[in-house]
Amino acid sequence: MEFEETISSEDQTFCSPTKPTGLLEGTFPKPLSSPGKRIKVLIRDATSEDLPALVDIFNEEIATSTCTFRMRPVDIEDRRAWLSELTKDGYPCLVAIHADDTGKETTIGWCNLSRYRYQEAYNACDFILSRLESSNSERRTVEISMYTHRDFRGRNIGSKLLKAILLEAQKRNYRTILAMVAADPASSDRERFWVQRGFELRGTLRELGFKFDRWVDVGVYQLMLEGLVHRTKDN
């Protein structure tokens, strides 16, 4: 795969910081990119070499936003086990790589699909498949997660990751993708991101989590993959 140039688009705050907290000590890295500057991005499979960057990105989200309901920072070994589990189960995990003017490459975001629930009906497990003749029985429900480095939001990175992960989902014959989106004062851009790219709000789960001293609702957004023809927006 080759690097593609990208510049500002509508995926503005994915995710948006809610507030700084004491959940994560230390300072975050200096800005990696200037706003509005055209950048080169490559989308590829995640490897162990990406883990340090993924840890930094995720820990900032843990400390500053409701994009994740985790409360404690993760480390390299936690993410190594996470990536290993995804790989073992055959779920895709893609990263966005930025190349600066000197050619230095930096991991600036990721997107992955994962098991939604462990009950057999969600996953069309082997003993069910053995009783069904149609190849459509292989399709199953998955959940999507996506995070980008704060310095690269609004650069179309989310759109590129989503477009690539949808292709991977279609290759695996998945049936539907769910995005669980925290509904709080900083979430309007997140919600618009999913809706503009074909996901539909199926309902809101009230007060599902408690973070930053308040209860947080979660919206359930769904995309049906059958018959999907590049509905991903890529400005």
C-alpha atoms as a PDB file:
ATOM      1  CA  MET A   1       0.000   0.000   0.000  1.00  0.00           C
ATOM      2  CA  GLU A   2       1.134   3.559  -0.708  1.00  0.00           C
ATOM      3  CA  PHE A   3       0.820   6.713   1.339  1.00  0.00           C
ATOM      4  CA  GLU A   4      -2.139   8.912   0.394  1.00  0.00           C
ATOM      5  CA  GLU A   5      -2.332  12.651   0.991  1.00  0.00           C
ATOM      6  CA  THR A   6      -5.140  13.903   3.179  1.00  0.00           C
ATOM      7  CA  ILE A   7      -6.218  17.243   4.629  1.00  0.00           C
ATOM      8  CA  SER A   8      -8.932  18.647   6.875  1.00  0.00           C
ATOM      9  CA  SER A   9     -12.436  17.182   6.580  1.00  0.00           C
ATOM     10  CA  GLU A  10     -15.578  16.777   8.655  1.00  0.00           C
ATOM     11  CA  ASP A  11     -14.343  14.210  11.176  1.00  0.00           C
ATOM     12  CA  GLN A  12     -13.475  16.961  13.608  1.00  0.00           C
ATOM     13  CA  THR A  13     -13.252  15.497  17.093  1.00  0.00           C
ATOM     14  CA  PHE A  14     -12.925  11.764  17.233  1.00  0.00           C
ATOM     15  CA  CYS A  15     -12.710  11.650  20.108  1.00  0.00           C
ATOM     16  CA  SER A  16     -13.212  15.031  21.780  1.00  0.00           C
ATOM     17  CA  PRO A  17     -11.543  15.609  25.141  1.00  0.00           C
ATOM     18  CA  THR A  18     -14.177  16.012  27.819  1.00  0.00           C
ATOM     19  CA  LYS A  19     -11.948  17.466  30.526  1.00  0.00           C
ATOM     20  CA  PRO A  20      -8.424  16.955  31.853  1.00  0.00           C
ATOM     21  CA  THR A  21      -8.356  14.758  34.941  1.00  0.00           C
ATOM     22  CA  GLY A  22      -5.940  13.231  37.381  1.00  0.00           C
ATOM     23  CA  LEU A  23      -6.592   9.741  36.052  1.00  0.00           C
ATOM     24  CA  LEU A  24      -3.358   9.801  34.071  1.00  0.00           C
ATOM     25  CA  GLU A  25      -0.242  11.491  35.392  1.00  0.00           C
ATOM     26  CA  GLY A  26       2.370  13.175  33.207  1.00  0.00           C
ATOM     27  CA  THR A  27       2.262  15.358  30.106  1.00  0.00           C
ATOM     28  CA  PHE A  28       1.149  14.463  26.616  1.00  0.00           C
ATOM     29  CA  PRO A  29       3.463  14.651  23.573  1.00  0.00           C
ATOM     30  CA  LYS A  30       4.055  17.902  21.733  1.00  0.00           C
ATOM     31  CA  PRO A  31       1.930  18.447  18.585  1.00  0.00           C
ATOM     32  CA  LEU A  32       2.960  16.179  15.720  1.00  0.00           C
ATOM     33  CA  SER A  33       1.364  18.175  12.934  1.00  0.00           C
ATOM     34  CA  SER A  34       0.282  21.730  12.096  1.00  0.00           C
ATOM     35  CA  PRO A  35      -3.474  22.283  11.600  1.00  0.00           C
ATOM     36  CA  GLY A  36      -4.540  22.452   7.954  1.00  0.00           C
ATOM     37  CA  LYS A  37      -1.262  21.107   6.616  1.00  0.00           C
ATOM     38  CA  ARG A  38      -1.557  18.400   3.955  1.00  0.00           C
ATOM     39  CA  ILE A  39      -0.215  15.129   5.301  1.00  0.00           C
ATOM     40  CA  LYS A  40       0.561  11.656   3.959  1.00  0.00           C
ATOM     41  CA  VAL A  41      -1.208   8.688   5.510  1.00  0.00           C
ATOM     42  CA  LEU A  42      -0.917   4.928   5.066  1.00  0.00           C
ATOM     43  CA  ILE A  43      -3.488   2.436   6.370  1.00  0.00           C
ATOM     44  CA  ARG A  44      -2.136  -1.028   7.210  1.00  0.00           C
ATOM     45  CA  ASP A  45      -2.534  -3.932   9.635  1.00  0.00           C
ATOM     46  CA  ALA A  46      -1.433  -3.219  13.207  1.00  0.00           C
ATOM     47  CA  THR A  47       1.770  -4.863  14.462  1.00  0.00           C
ATOM     48  CA  SER A  48       3.574  -5.021  17.789  1.00  0.00           C
ATOM     49  CA  GLU A  49       5.697  -2.061  16.663  1.00  0.00           C
ATOM     50  CA  ASP A  50       2.603   0.147  16.819  1.00  0.00           C
ATOM     51  CA  LEU A  51       1.818  -0.664  20.439  1.00  0.00           C
ATOM     52  CA  PRO A  52       3.728   2.197  22.141  1.00  0.00           C
ATOM     53  CA  ALA A  53       1.839   4.752  20.042  1.00  0.00           C
ATOM     54  CA  LEU A  54      -1.489   3.000  20.608  1.00  0.00           C
ATOM     55  CA  VAL A  55      -0.863   3.032  24.357  1.00  0.00           C
ATOM     56  CA  ASP A  56      -0.201   6.794  24.310  1.00  0.00           C
ATOM     57  CA  ILE A  57      -3.309   7.530  22.227  1.00  0.00           C
ATOM     58  CA  PHE A  58      -5.552   5.303  24.333  1.00  0.00           C
ATOM     59  CA  ASN A  59      -4.268   6.582  27.665  1.00  0.00           C
ATOM     60  CA  GLU A  60      -5.018  10.163  26.711  1.00  0.00           C
ATOM     61  CA  GLU A  61      -8.578   9.161  25.824  1.00  0.00           C
ATOM     62  CA  ILE A  62      -8.918   7.305  29.122  1.00  0.00           C
ATOM     63  CA  ALA A  63      -7.834  10.420  31.004  1.00  0.00           C
ATOM     64  CA  THR A  64      -9.759  13.058  29.054  1.00  0.00           C
ATOM     65  CA  SER A  65     -12.856  11.651  27.352  1.00  0.00           C
ATOM     66  CA  THR A  66     -15.847   9.344  27.546  1.00  0.00           C
ATOM     67  CA  CYS A  67     -14.908   7.611  24.291  1.00  0.00           C
ATOM     68  CA  THR A  68     -13.872   4.755  26.569  1.00  0.00           C
ATOM     69  CA  PHE A  69     -15.286   3.858  29.961  1.00  0.00           C
ATOM     70  CA  ARG A  70     -11.916   2.650  31.183  1.00  0.00           C
ATOM     71  CA  MET A  71     -10.673   4.574  34.209  1.00  0.00           C
ATOM     72  CA  ARG A  72      -7.077   3.404  34.550  1.00  0.00           C
ATOM     73  CA  PRO A  73      -4.229   3.734  32.009  1.00  0.00           C
ATOM     74  CA  VAL A  74      -3.079   0.689  30.065  1.00  0.00           C
ATOM     75  CA  ASP A  75       0.466  -0.477  29.391  1.00  0.00           C
ATOM     76  CA  ILE A  76       2.272  -2.241  26.554  1.00  0.00           C
ATOM     77  CA  GLU A  77       1.535  -5.730  27.889  1.00  0.00           C
ATOM     78  CA  ASP A  78      -2.174  -4.984  28.153  1.00  0.00           C
ATOM     79  CA  ARG A  79      -2.286  -3.855  24.511  1.00  0.00           C
ATOM     80  CA  ARG A  80      -0.083  -6.742  23.408  1.00  0.00           C
ATOM     81  CA  ALA A  81      -2.591  -9.201  24.885  1.00  0.00           C
ATOM     82  CA  TRP A  82      -5.462  -7.245  23.319  1.00  0.00           C
ATOM     83  CA  LEU A  83      -3.912  -7.315  19.830  1.00  0.00           C
ATOM     84  CA  SER A  84      -2.978 -10.980  20.195  1.00  0.00           C
ATOM     85  CA  GLU A  85      -6.563 -11.872  21.104  1.00  0.00           C
ATOM     86  CA  LEU A  86      -7.955  -9.955  18.120  1.00  0.00           C
ATOM     87  CA  THR A  87      -5.498 -11.658  15.785  1.00  0.00           C
ATOM     88  CA  LYS A  88      -6.220 -15.111  17.193  1.00  0.00           C
ATOM     89  CA  ASP A  89      -9.953 -14.633  16.691  1.00  0.00           C
ATOM     90  CA  GLY A  90      -9.487 -13.254  13.167  1.00  0.00           C
ATOM     91  CA  TYR A  91     -10.730  -9.714  13.836  1.00  0.00           C
ATOM     92  CA  PRO A  92      -9.056  -6.898  11.855  1.00  0.00           C
ATOM     93  CA  CYS A  93      -7.080  -4.112  13.517  1.00  0.00           C
ATOM     94  CA  LEU A  94      -5.804  -1.356  11.232  1.00  0.00           C
ATOM     95  CA  VAL A  95      -3.529   1.602  11.975  1.00  0.00           C
ATOM     96  CA  ALA A  96      -3.025   4.957  10.301  1.00  0.00           C
ATOM     97  CA  ILE A  97       0.618   5.853   9.681  1.00  0.00           C
ATOM     98  CA  HIS A  98       1.798   9.418   9.063  1.00  0.00           C
ATOM     99  CA  ALA A  99       5.024  10.179   7.205  1.00  0.00           C
ATOM    100  CA  ASP A 100       6.508  13.630   7.853  1.00  0.00           C
ATOM    101  CA  ASP A 101       8.661  15.686   5.501  1.00  0.00           C
ATOM    102  CA  THR A 102      11.773  13.707   6.487  1.00  0.00           C
ATOM    103  CA  GLY A 103      10.098  10.354   5.875  1.00  0.00           C
ATOM    104  CA  LYS A 104       9.754   9.520   9.572  1.00  0.00           C
ATOM    105  CA  GLU A 105       6.677   7.355  10.164  1.00  0.00           C
ATOM    106  CA  THR A 106       4.377   7.726  13.179  1.00  0.00           C
ATOM    107  CA  THR A 107       1.314   5.727  14.168  1.00  0.00           C
ATOM    108  CA  ILE A 108      -1.499   8.267  14.593  1.00  0.00           C
ATOM    109  CA  GLY A 109      -4.636   6.186  15.023  1.00  0.00           C
ATOM    110  CA  TRP A 110      -6.288   2.805  14.810  1.00  0.00           C
ATOM    111  CA  CYS A 111      -9.577   1.078  14.143  1.00  0.00           C
ATOM    112  CA  ASN A 112     -10.566  -2.477  15.022  1.00  0.00           C
ATOM    113  CA  LEU A 113     -13.543  -4.814  14.989  1.00  0.00           C
ATOM    114  CA  SER A 114     -14.184  -7.189  17.860  1.00  0.00           C
ATOM    115  CA  ARG A 115     -16.673  -9.676  19.253  1.00  0.00           C
ATOM    116  CA  TYR A 116     -19.911  -8.021  20.349  1.00  0.00           C
ATOM    117  CA  ARG A 117     -21.107 -10.752  22.723  1.00  0.00           C
ATOM    118  CA  TYR A 118     -19.998 -14.307  23.476  1.00  0.00           C
ATOM    119  CA  GLN A 119     -23.403 -15.982  23.132  1.00  0.00           C
ATOM    120  CA  GLU A 120     -23.515 -18.290  20.107  1.00  0.00           C
ATOM    121  CA  ALA A 121     -26.354 -16.596  18.211  1.00  0.00           C
ATOM    122  CA  TYR A 122     -24.336 -13.384  17.868  1.00  0.00           C
ATOM    123  CA  ASN A 123     -21.373 -15.220  16.360  1.00  0.00           C
ATOM    124  CA  ALA A 124     -22.810 -18.074  14.261  1.00  0.00           C
ATOM    125  CA  CYS A 125     -20.506 -20.541  15.989  1.00  0.00           C
ATOM    126  CA  ASP A 126     -19.314 -23.809  14.457  1.00  0.00           C
ATOM    127  CA  PHE A 127     -22.055 -26.054  15.807  1.00  0.00           C
ATOM    128  CA  ILE A 128     -24.680 -23.741  14.325  1.00  0.00           C
ATOM    129  CA  LEU A 129     -22.858 -23.493  10.998  1.00  0.00           C
ATOM    130  CA  SER A 130     -22.693 -27.269  10.788  1.00  0.00           C
ATOM    131  CA  ARG A 131     -26.509 -27.341  10.748  1.00  0.00           C
ATOM    132  CA  LEU A 132     -26.937 -24.637   8.096  1.00  0.00           C
ATOM    133  CA  GLU A 133     -26.211 -24.933   4.397  1.00  0.00           C
ATOM    134  CA  SER A 134     -26.260 -21.270   3.373  1.00  0.00           C
ATOM    135  CA  SER A 135     -22.939 -19.424   3.277  1.00  0.00           C
ATOM    136  CA  ASN A 136     -24.814 -16.424   4.653  1.00  0.00           C
ATOM    137  CA  SER A 137     -24.840 -18.209   8.019  1.00  0.00           C
ATOM    138  CA  GLU A 138     -21.210 -17.169   8.485  1.00  0.00           C
ATOM    139  CA  ARG A 139     -22.204 -13.577   8.979  1.00  0.00           C
ATOM    140  CA  ARG A 140     -22.088 -12.240  12.503  1.00  0.00           C
ATOM    141  CA  THR A 141     -22.309  -9.136  14.667  1.00  0.00           C
ATOM    142  CA  VAL A 142     -19.189  -7.131  15.534  1.00  0.00           C
ATOM    143  CA  GLU A 143     -18.409  -3.955  17.446  1.00  0.00           C
ATOM    144  CA  ILE A 144     -16.155  -1.185  16.131  1.00  0.00           C
ATOM    145  CA  SER A 145     -13.598   0.932  18.018  1.00  0.00           C
ATOM    146  CA  MET A 146     -11.637   3.854  16.602  1.00  0.00           C
ATOM    147  CA  TYR A 147      -9.173   6.352  18.066  1.00  0.00           C
ATOM    148  CA  THR A 148      -6.936   9.019  16.519  1.00  0.00           C
ATOM    149  CA  HIS A 149      -4.106  11.101  17.931  1.00  0.00           C
ATOM    150  CA  ARG A 150      -5.362  14.499  19.099  1.00  0.00           C
ATOM    151  CA  ASP A 151      -3.049  16.369  16.690  1.00  0.00           C
ATOM    152  CA  PHE A 152      -4.580  14.653  13.657  1.00  0.00           C
ATOM    153  CA  ARG A 153      -8.296  15.032  14.277  1.00  0.00           C
ATOM    154  CA  GLY A 154     -10.136  16.830  11.506  1.00  0.00           C
ATOM    155  CA  ARG A 155      -7.709  15.413   8.907  1.00  0.00           C
ATOM    156  CA  ASN A 156      -9.982  12.709   7.454  1.00  0.00           C
ATOM    157  CA  ILE A 157      -8.069   9.987   9.328  1.00  0.00           C
ATOM    158  CA  GLY A 158     -11.258   8.530  10.789  1.00  0.00           C
ATOM    159  CA  SER A 159     -12.868   8.305   7.356  1.00  0.00           C
ATOM    160  CA  LYS A 160      -9.870   6.519   5.886  1.00  0.00           C
ATOM    161  CA  LEU A 161      -9.714   4.031   8.751  1.00  0.00           C
ATOM    162  CA  LEU A 162     -13.445   3.367   8.545  1.00  0.00           C
ATOM    163  CA  LYS A 163     -13.380   2.850   4.786  1.00  0.00           C
ATOM    164  CA  ALA A 164     -10.553   0.324   5.142  1.00  0.00           C
ATOM    165  CA  ILE A 165     -12.132  -1.548   8.053  1.00  0.00           C
ATOM    166  CA  LEU A 166     -15.440  -1.874   6.171  1.00  0.00           C
ATOM    167  CA  LEU A 167     -13.609  -3.597   3.345  1.00  0.00           C
ATOM    168  CA  GLU A 168     -12.119  -6.014   5.871  1.00  0.00           C
ATOM    169  CA  ALA A 169     -15.577  -6.629   7.345  1.00  0.00           C
ATOM    170  CA  GLN A 170     -16.987  -7.447   3.927  1.00  0.00           C
ATOM    171  CA  LYS A 171     -14.126  -9.849   3.216  1.00  0.00           C
ATOM    172  CA  ARG A 172     -15.031 -11.691   6.426  1.00  0.00           C
ATOM    173  CA  ASN A 173     -18.719 -11.726   5.506  1.00  0.00           C
ATOM    174  CA  TYR A 174     -19.807  -9.964   8.708  1.00  0.00           C
ATOM    175  CA  ARG A 175     -23.449  -8.980   8.804  1.00  0.00           C
ATOM    176  CA  THR A 176     -23.663  -5.868  10.980  1.00  0.00           C
ATOM    177  CA  ILE A 177     -21.377  -3.446  12.854  1.00  0.00           C
ATOM    178  CA  LEU A 178     -22.290  -1.665  16.085  1.00  0.00           C
ATOM    179  CA  ALA A 179     -20.704   1.564  17.325  1.00  0.00           C
ATOM    180  CA  MET A 180     -21.315   2.344  20.996  1.00  0.00           C
ATOM    181  CA  VAL A 181     -21.047   6.133  21.343  1.00  0.00           C
ATOM    182  CA  ALA A 182     -21.121   7.973  24.665  1.00  0.00           C
ATOM    183  CA  ALA A 183     -23.761  10.691  24.602  1.00  0.00           C
ATOM    184  CA  ASP A 184     -22.441  13.667  26.543  1.00  0.00           C
ATOM    185  CA  PRO A 185     -21.947  17.414  25.932  1.00  0.00           C
ATOM    186  CA  ALA A 186     -18.817  16.738  23.846  1.00  0.00           C
ATOM    187  CA  SER A 187     -20.299  13.951  21.721  1.00  0.00           C
ATOM    188  CA  SER A 188     -22.205  15.754  18.960  1.00  0.00           C
ATOM    189  CA  ASP A 189     -19.291  15.532  16.511  1.00  0.00           C
ATOM    190  CA  ARG A 190     -18.807  11.844  17.266  1.00  0.00           C
ATOM    191  CA  GLU A 191     -22.490  11.136  16.665  1.00  0.00           C
ATOM    192  CA  ARG A 192     -22.471  13.100  13.403  1.00  0.00           C
ATOM    193  CA  PHE A 193     -19.373  11.195  12.243  1.00  0.00           C
ATOM    194  CA  TRP A 194     -21.187   7.847  12.390  1.00  0.00           C
ATOM    195  CA  VAL A 195     -24.493   9.083  10.973  1.00  0.00           C
ATOM    196  CA  GLN A 196     -22.810  10.732   7.971  1.00  0.00           C
ATOM    197  CA  ARG A 197     -21.147   7.421   7.177  1.00  0.00           C
ATOM    198  CA  GLY A 198     -24.253   5.282   7.091  1.00  0.00           C
ATOM    199  CA  PHE A 199     -24.690   4.231  10.726  1.00  0.00           C
ATOM    200  CA  GLU A 200     -28.182   4.608  12.195  1.00  0.00           C
ATOM    201  CA  LEU A 201     -29.034   5.366  15.804  1.00  0.00           C
ATOM    202  CA  ARG A 202     -31.008   2.367  17.087  1.00  0.00           C
ATOM    203  CA  GLY A 203     -31.474   3.558  20.645  1.00  0.00           C
ATOM    204  CA  THR A 204     -29.915   5.148  23.712  1.00  0.00           C
ATOM    205  CA  LEU A 205     -28.977   3.284  26.871  1.00  0.00           C
ATOM    206  CA  ARG A 206     -29.526   5.622  29.805  1.00  0.00           C
ATOM    207  CA  GLU A 207     -26.867   6.193  32.483  1.00  0.00           C
ATOM    208  CA  LEU A 208     -24.832   3.199  31.404  1.00  0.00           C
ATOM    209  CA  GLY A 209     -21.523   4.457  32.805  1.00  0.00           C
ATOM    210  CA  PHE A 210     -20.259   6.821  35.503  1.00  0.00           C
ATOM    211  CA  LYS A 211     -17.183   8.892  34.611  1.00  0.00           C
ATOM    212  CA  PHE A 212     -15.955  12.393  35.471  1.00  0.00           C
ATOM    213  CA  ASP A 213     -18.445  12.514  38.359  1.00  0.00           C
ATOM    214  CA  ARG A 214     -21.525  12.107  36.185  1.00  0.00           C
ATOM    215  CA  TRP A 215     -23.693   9.457  34.584  1.00  0.00           C
ATOM    216  CA  VAL A 216     -23.191   8.977  30.844  1.00  0.00           C
ATOM    217  CA  ASP A 217     -25.712   7.669  28.303  1.00  0.00           C
ATOM    218  CA  VAL A 218     -24.580   5.492  25.378  1.00  0.00           C
ATOM    219  CA  GLY A 219     -26.046   5.611  21.880  1.00  0.00           C
ATOM    220  CA  VAL A 220     -26.143   2.399  19.836  1.00  0.00           C
ATOM    221  CA  TYR A 221     -25.340   3.037  16.152  1.00  0.00           C
ATOM    222  CA  GLN A 222     -25.692   0.241  13.597  1.00  0.00           C
ATOM    223  CA  LEU A 223     -24.506  -0.343  10.045  1.00  0.00           C
ATOM    224  CA  MET A 224     -25.878  -3.274   8.039  1.00  0.00           C
ATOM    225  CA  LEU A 225     -23.192  -4.619   5.693  1.00  0.00           C
ATOM    226  CA  GLU A 226     -25.378  -6.592   3.300  1.00  0.00           C
ATOM    227  CA  GLY A 227     -25.484  -4.705   0.013  1.00  0.00           C
ATOM    228  CA  LEU A 228     -23.120  -2.013   1.286  1.00  0.00           C
ATOM    229  CA  VAL A 229     -21.483  -0.158  -1.605  1.00  0.00           C
ATOM    230  CA  HIS A 230     -18.839   2.241  -0.317  1.00  0.00           C
ATOM    231  CA  ARG A 231     -21.146   4.386   1.768  1.00  0.00           C
ATOM    232  CA  THR A 232     -18.139   5.580   3.712  1.00  0.00           C
ATOM    233  CA  LYS A 233     -17.668   9.302   3.267  1.00  0.00           C
ATOM    234  CA  ASP A 234     -14.146  10.256   2.178  1.00  0.00           C
ATOM    235  CA  ASN A 235     -13.815  13.984   1.429  1.00  0.00           C
END
